[in-house]
Amino acid sequence: MERIDDTGFGGLRVIQTKGSGYGVDAVLLAAFAAGDTGAKAPVKAGGSTLHIADLGTGCGVAAFILFHKLRGARITGYDVNGDVIERANRACVLNGLTEHIDFVCCDIKNIDAAAEFDAVISNPPYFRRTPDEPGAKDPDARYIARHETTADISDFATVSAGMLKEGGHLYMVHRPDRLADIFYALRTAGIEPKEMQMVVPKEGAAANIVLIHGIRGAGSELRLLPQIAVHEEDGGYTDAILKYYERV
């Protein structure tokens, strides 16, 4: 069953189904790409419109939030799941953003958009596909969203590099246990990792989310940004997360 949820960002809404709601990783990705967490945000010379792609857009929430934060970017979201793209496009109409945001259903490896974008954001599937695990042989939408079924991290890096203009920015949210794969894939594709930010469930816990900013064609130098804690000891959100959600 579908539901319409208010994101809390300027009244923007998303259309979701039970069990497929967006998480804090999407909000962190948008905040990271907008420069809210300390990363360098994309800037267009002369104040012209930024053209941004969202790979693995899902319900479109990161695209909507980033549009709200950057105040006027042109964003195109891509996802292999036709059902979520259909809902994202309806949400785009609901939000009155069809002149600024559009969504395309396709495998990312079939995107034909050479050097068109100033920035790419991506929340790709986190987990490798293991043929013998439950759900792998006949994957449903949830499995595909979480596992590398049609495209892996190398594909996301290669496609991002091809879509970006020279000096263009990639912002990715992923898992720390895939960092070696991510850095290798980015460098192989010609995107140099420039900033990294770890996210922990609470202070003292091991990181379970990593935010990575890379630049196509840049020189080698990686800057570590301050760690972000999601929850306080009582389970509530930290002040930092509330700020990224624009609740304070």
Protein backbone atom coordinates (compact mmCIF):
# COMPACT_ATOMS: atom_id res chain seq x y z
CA MET A 1 0.00 0.00 0.00
CA GLU A 2 1.29 3.45 -0.93
CA ARG A 3 1.63 6.39 1.40
CA ILE A 4 2.59 10.03 0.91
CA ASP A 5 5.17 11.25 3.41
CA ASP A 6 6.21 14.83 4.15
CA THR A 7 10.02 14.93 4.16
CA GLY A 8 10.10 18.01 6.39
CA PHE A 9 12.15 19.89 3.78
CA GLY A 10 10.09 22.83 2.58
CA GLY A 11 6.92 20.76 2.35
CA LEU A 12 8.39 18.34 -0.22
CA ARG A 13 6.69 14.96 -0.25
CA VAL A 14 7.62 11.45 -1.40
CA ILE A 15 5.45 8.49 -2.36
CA GLN A 16 6.52 5.25 -0.69
CA THR A 17 5.24 1.78 0.08
CA LYS A 18 5.21 -0.10 3.36
CA GLY A 19 8.66 -1.53 4.11
CA SER A 20 10.46 0.62 1.54
CA GLY A 21 10.79 3.96 3.33
CA TYR A 22 13.95 6.00 2.97
CA GLY A 23 16.52 6.08 5.75
CA VAL A 24 19.01 8.47 7.31
CA ASP A 25 21.60 7.53 4.66
CA ALA A 26 19.60 9.38 1.98
CA VAL A 27 19.31 12.48 4.17
CA LEU A 28 23.04 12.34 4.96
CA LEU A 29 23.90 12.01 1.26
CA ALA A 30 21.92 15.14 0.40
CA ALA A 31 23.41 17.06 3.33
CA PHE A 32 26.92 15.91 2.38
CA ALA A 33 26.53 16.96 -1.27
CA ALA A 34 25.06 20.32 -0.23
CA GLY A 35 28.07 21.06 1.99
CA ASP A 36 26.11 20.89 5.26
CA THR A 37 28.44 18.34 6.85
CA GLY A 38 31.65 20.14 5.89
CA ALA A 39 32.33 18.70 2.45
CA LYS A 40 32.99 20.94 -0.54
CA ALA A 41 29.73 21.53 -2.39
CA PRO A 42 29.56 21.91 -6.19
CA VAL A 43 29.53 25.52 -7.37
CA LYS A 44 28.63 26.67 -10.87
CA ALA A 45 30.60 29.63 -12.18
CA GLY A 46 28.55 32.74 -12.86
CA GLY A 47 25.57 31.48 -10.89
CA SER A 48 24.28 29.27 -13.72
CA THR A 49 22.24 26.15 -13.00
CA LEU A 50 23.98 23.06 -11.64
CA HIS A 51 23.16 19.84 -13.51
CA ILE A 52 23.17 16.88 -11.10
CA ALA A 53 22.52 13.16 -11.59
CA ASP A 54 21.24 10.82 -8.87
CA LEU A 55 22.25 7.19 -9.50
CA GLY A 56 20.09 4.67 -7.64
CA THR A 57 17.53 7.33 -6.82
CA GLY A 58 14.81 5.05 -5.44
CA CYS A 59 11.79 7.12 -4.42
CA GLY A 60 13.72 10.28 -5.30
CA VAL A 61 14.07 11.57 -1.75
CA ALA A 62 17.77 12.53 -1.99
CA ALA A 63 17.08 14.40 -5.23
CA PHE A 64 14.19 16.32 -3.66
CA ILE A 65 16.15 17.19 -0.51
CA LEU A 66 19.22 18.26 -2.48
CA PHE A 67 17.10 20.47 -4.73
CA HIS A 68 15.66 22.11 -1.63
CA LYS A 69 19.12 22.65 -0.13
CA LEU A 70 20.81 23.95 -3.28
CA ARG A 71 17.85 26.12 -4.30
CA GLY A 72 17.59 25.58 -8.00
CA ALA A 73 19.68 22.72 -9.38
CA ARG A 74 18.53 20.65 -12.36
CA ILE A 75 18.43 17.01 -11.23
CA THR A 76 17.90 13.74 -13.11
CA GLY A 77 17.39 10.57 -11.09
CA TYR A 78 18.05 7.07 -12.45
CA ASP A 79 16.94 3.70 -11.09
CA VAL A 80 16.50 0.20 -12.51
CA ASN A 81 13.20 -0.30 -10.64
CA GLY A 82 10.30 0.91 -12.78
CA ASP A 83 7.82 0.98 -9.89
CA VAL A 84 9.88 3.36 -7.73
CA ILE A 85 10.61 5.58 -10.75
CA GLU A 86 6.89 5.79 -11.50
CA ARG A 87 6.23 6.86 -7.90
CA ALA A 88 9.13 9.33 -8.00
CA ASN A 89 7.73 10.96 -11.12
CA ARG A 90 4.28 11.24 -9.53
CA ALA A 91 5.88 12.81 -6.45
CA CYS A 92 7.66 15.24 -8.75
CA VAL A 93 4.28 16.35 -10.12
CA LEU A 94 2.88 16.49 -6.58
CA ASN A 95 5.75 18.79 -5.55
CA GLY A 96 5.45 20.99 -8.65
CA LEU A 97 9.05 20.26 -9.68
CA THR A 98 8.69 18.77 -13.15
CA GLU A 99 10.65 21.67 -14.68
CA HIS A 100 13.57 21.02 -12.31
CA ILE A 101 13.66 17.27 -11.61
CA ASP A 102 12.96 14.21 -13.73
CA PHE A 103 13.36 10.48 -13.20
CA VAL A 104 14.43 7.81 -15.69
CA CYS A 105 14.03 4.05 -15.43
CA CYS A 106 17.11 2.26 -16.73
CA ASP A 107 20.09 0.18 -15.77
CA ILE A 108 22.85 2.69 -15.04
CA LYS A 109 25.11 0.92 -17.56
CA ASN A 110 22.69 2.01 -20.31
CA ILE A 111 22.82 5.73 -19.50
CA ASP A 112 23.89 7.86 -22.45
CA ALA A 113 24.96 11.15 -20.88
CA ALA A 114 28.63 11.78 -21.63
CA ALA A 115 30.23 14.62 -19.62
CA GLU A 116 26.89 16.38 -19.11
CA PHE A 117 26.82 16.72 -15.33
CA ASP A 118 28.48 19.01 -12.81
CA ALA A 119 27.87 16.50 -10.00
CA VAL A 120 26.62 12.97 -9.38
CA ILE A 121 25.16 11.72 -6.11
CA SER A 122 24.74 8.02 -5.48
CA ASN A 123 23.30 5.68 -2.88
CA PRO A 124 24.18 2.40 -4.64
CA PRO A 125 23.38 -1.11 -3.42
CA TYR A 126 25.65 -1.83 -0.46
CA PHE A 127 25.99 -5.61 -0.60
CA ARG A 128 27.62 -8.01 -3.05
CA ARG A 129 25.29 -10.52 -4.65
CA THR A 130 25.97 -14.04 -3.34
CA PRO A 131 24.34 -16.60 -5.66
CA ASP A 132 23.40 -19.08 -2.90
CA GLU A 133 21.91 -16.63 -0.40
CA PRO A 134 18.11 -16.35 0.07
CA GLY A 135 16.49 -14.13 -2.56
CA ALA A 136 19.43 -14.11 -4.97
CA LYS A 137 17.99 -16.46 -7.59
CA ASP A 138 14.68 -14.62 -7.95
CA PRO A 139 15.40 -11.15 -6.51
CA ASP A 140 12.51 -8.90 -5.52
CA ALA A 141 12.62 -5.09 -5.49
CA ARG A 142 13.97 -4.90 -1.92
CA TYR A 143 16.77 -7.36 -2.70
CA ILE A 144 17.73 -5.45 -5.87
CA ALA A 145 17.82 -2.15 -3.96
CA ARG A 146 20.26 -3.59 -1.42
CA HIS A 147 22.42 -5.93 -3.53
CA GLU A 148 24.64 -5.53 -6.60
CA THR A 149 22.40 -7.47 -8.98
CA THR A 150 22.78 -5.60 -12.30
CA ALA A 151 25.64 -3.19 -11.48
CA ASP A 152 28.44 -3.26 -8.92
CA ILE A 153 30.58 -0.52 -7.37
CA SER A 154 32.97 -0.53 -10.35
CA ASP A 155 30.03 0.08 -12.70
CA PHE A 156 28.75 2.98 -10.57
CA ALA A 157 32.24 4.52 -10.56
CA THR A 158 32.76 4.08 -14.31
CA VAL A 159 29.32 5.43 -15.21
CA SER A 160 29.74 8.39 -12.84
CA ALA A 161 33.10 9.27 -14.40
CA GLY A 162 31.59 9.15 -17.87
CA MET A 163 28.69 11.41 -16.87
CA LEU A 164 30.83 14.02 -15.11
CA LYS A 165 32.49 17.00 -16.69
CA GLU A 166 36.22 17.36 -15.99
CA GLY A 167 36.47 18.58 -12.40
CA GLY A 168 32.94 17.35 -11.67
CA HIS A 169 31.99 16.05 -8.23
CA LEU A 170 30.83 12.62 -7.08
CA TYR A 171 29.12 12.23 -3.69
CA MET A 172 28.46 8.68 -2.49
CA VAL A 173 27.05 7.05 0.63
CA HIS A 174 28.12 3.47 1.30
CA ARG A 175 29.45 1.10 3.97
CA PRO A 176 32.95 1.29 5.50
CA ASP A 177 33.61 -2.41 4.86
CA ARG A 178 33.54 -1.67 1.11
CA LEU A 179 36.07 1.19 1.26
CA ALA A 180 38.91 -0.72 -0.43
CA ASP A 181 36.58 -1.64 -3.31
CA ILE A 182 35.24 1.91 -3.54
CA PHE A 183 38.62 3.66 -3.61
CA TYR A 184 40.01 1.19 -6.15
CA ALA A 185 36.93 1.59 -8.37
CA LEU A 186 36.99 5.39 -8.20
CA ARG A 187 40.69 5.72 -9.01
CA THR A 188 40.42 3.19 -11.82
CA ALA A 189 37.58 5.25 -13.30
CA GLY A 190 39.51 8.53 -13.00
CA ILE A 191 37.71 9.94 -9.95
CA GLU A 192 40.06 10.87 -7.11
CA PRO A 193 38.69 10.50 -3.54
CA LYS A 194 39.05 13.95 -1.93
CA GLU A 195 36.96 13.87 1.25
CA MET A 196 35.69 11.10 3.52
CA GLN A 197 33.36 11.25 6.52
CA MET A 198 32.48 8.37 8.84
CA VAL A 199 29.04 8.03 10.42
CA VAL A 200 28.53 6.08 13.66
CA PRO A 201 25.23 4.93 15.18
CA LYS A 202 26.27 6.62 18.45
CA GLU A 203 29.46 7.88 20.05
CA GLY A 204 31.89 5.05 20.81
CA ALA A 205 30.37 2.67 18.24
CA ALA A 206 32.02 1.48 15.05
CA ALA A 207 31.13 3.37 11.86
CA ASN A 208 28.40 1.77 9.74
CA ILE A 209 28.06 4.48 7.05
CA VAL A 210 30.72 6.33 5.07
CA LEU A 211 30.31 9.45 2.92
CA ILE A 212 32.81 9.88 0.08
CA HIS A 213 33.43 12.91 -2.14
CA GLY A 214 35.51 12.46 -5.28
CA ILE A 215 36.46 14.76 -8.16
CA ARG A 216 36.99 13.65 -11.73
CA GLY A 217 40.58 14.29 -12.84
CA ALA A 218 41.78 15.73 -9.50
CA GLY A 219 45.16 15.21 -7.88
CA SER A 220 45.71 12.86 -4.95
CA GLU A 221 44.95 14.24 -1.49
CA LEU A 222 42.31 12.87 0.87
CA ARG A 223 40.79 14.99 3.66
CA LEU A 224 39.07 13.33 6.62
CA LEU A 225 36.03 15.23 7.88
CA PRO A 226 34.77 15.09 11.49
CA GLN A 227 32.80 12.00 12.41
CA ILE A 228 28.99 12.21 12.59
CA ALA A 229 27.02 10.44 15.33
CA VAL A 230 23.38 9.64 14.50
CA HIS A 231 21.87 8.83 17.91
CA GLU A 232 22.25 9.99 21.48
CA GLU A 233 22.46 7.42 24.29
CA ASP A 234 18.69 7.70 24.82
CA GLY A 235 18.05 6.76 21.18
CA GLY A 236 17.06 10.22 19.97
CA TYR A 237 18.80 11.99 17.11
CA THR A 238 21.88 14.07 17.85
CA ASP A 239 21.84 17.82 17.29
CA ALA A 240 23.91 17.31 14.13
CA ILE A 241 21.35 14.96 12.58
CA LEU A 242 18.48 17.24 13.59
CA LYS A 243 20.33 20.07 11.84
CA TYR A 244 20.71 18.03 8.64
CA TYR A 245 16.99 17.20 8.83
CA GLU A 246 16.38 20.96 9.34
CA ARG A 247 14.51 20.28 12.58
CA VAL A 248 16.55 22.84 14.58
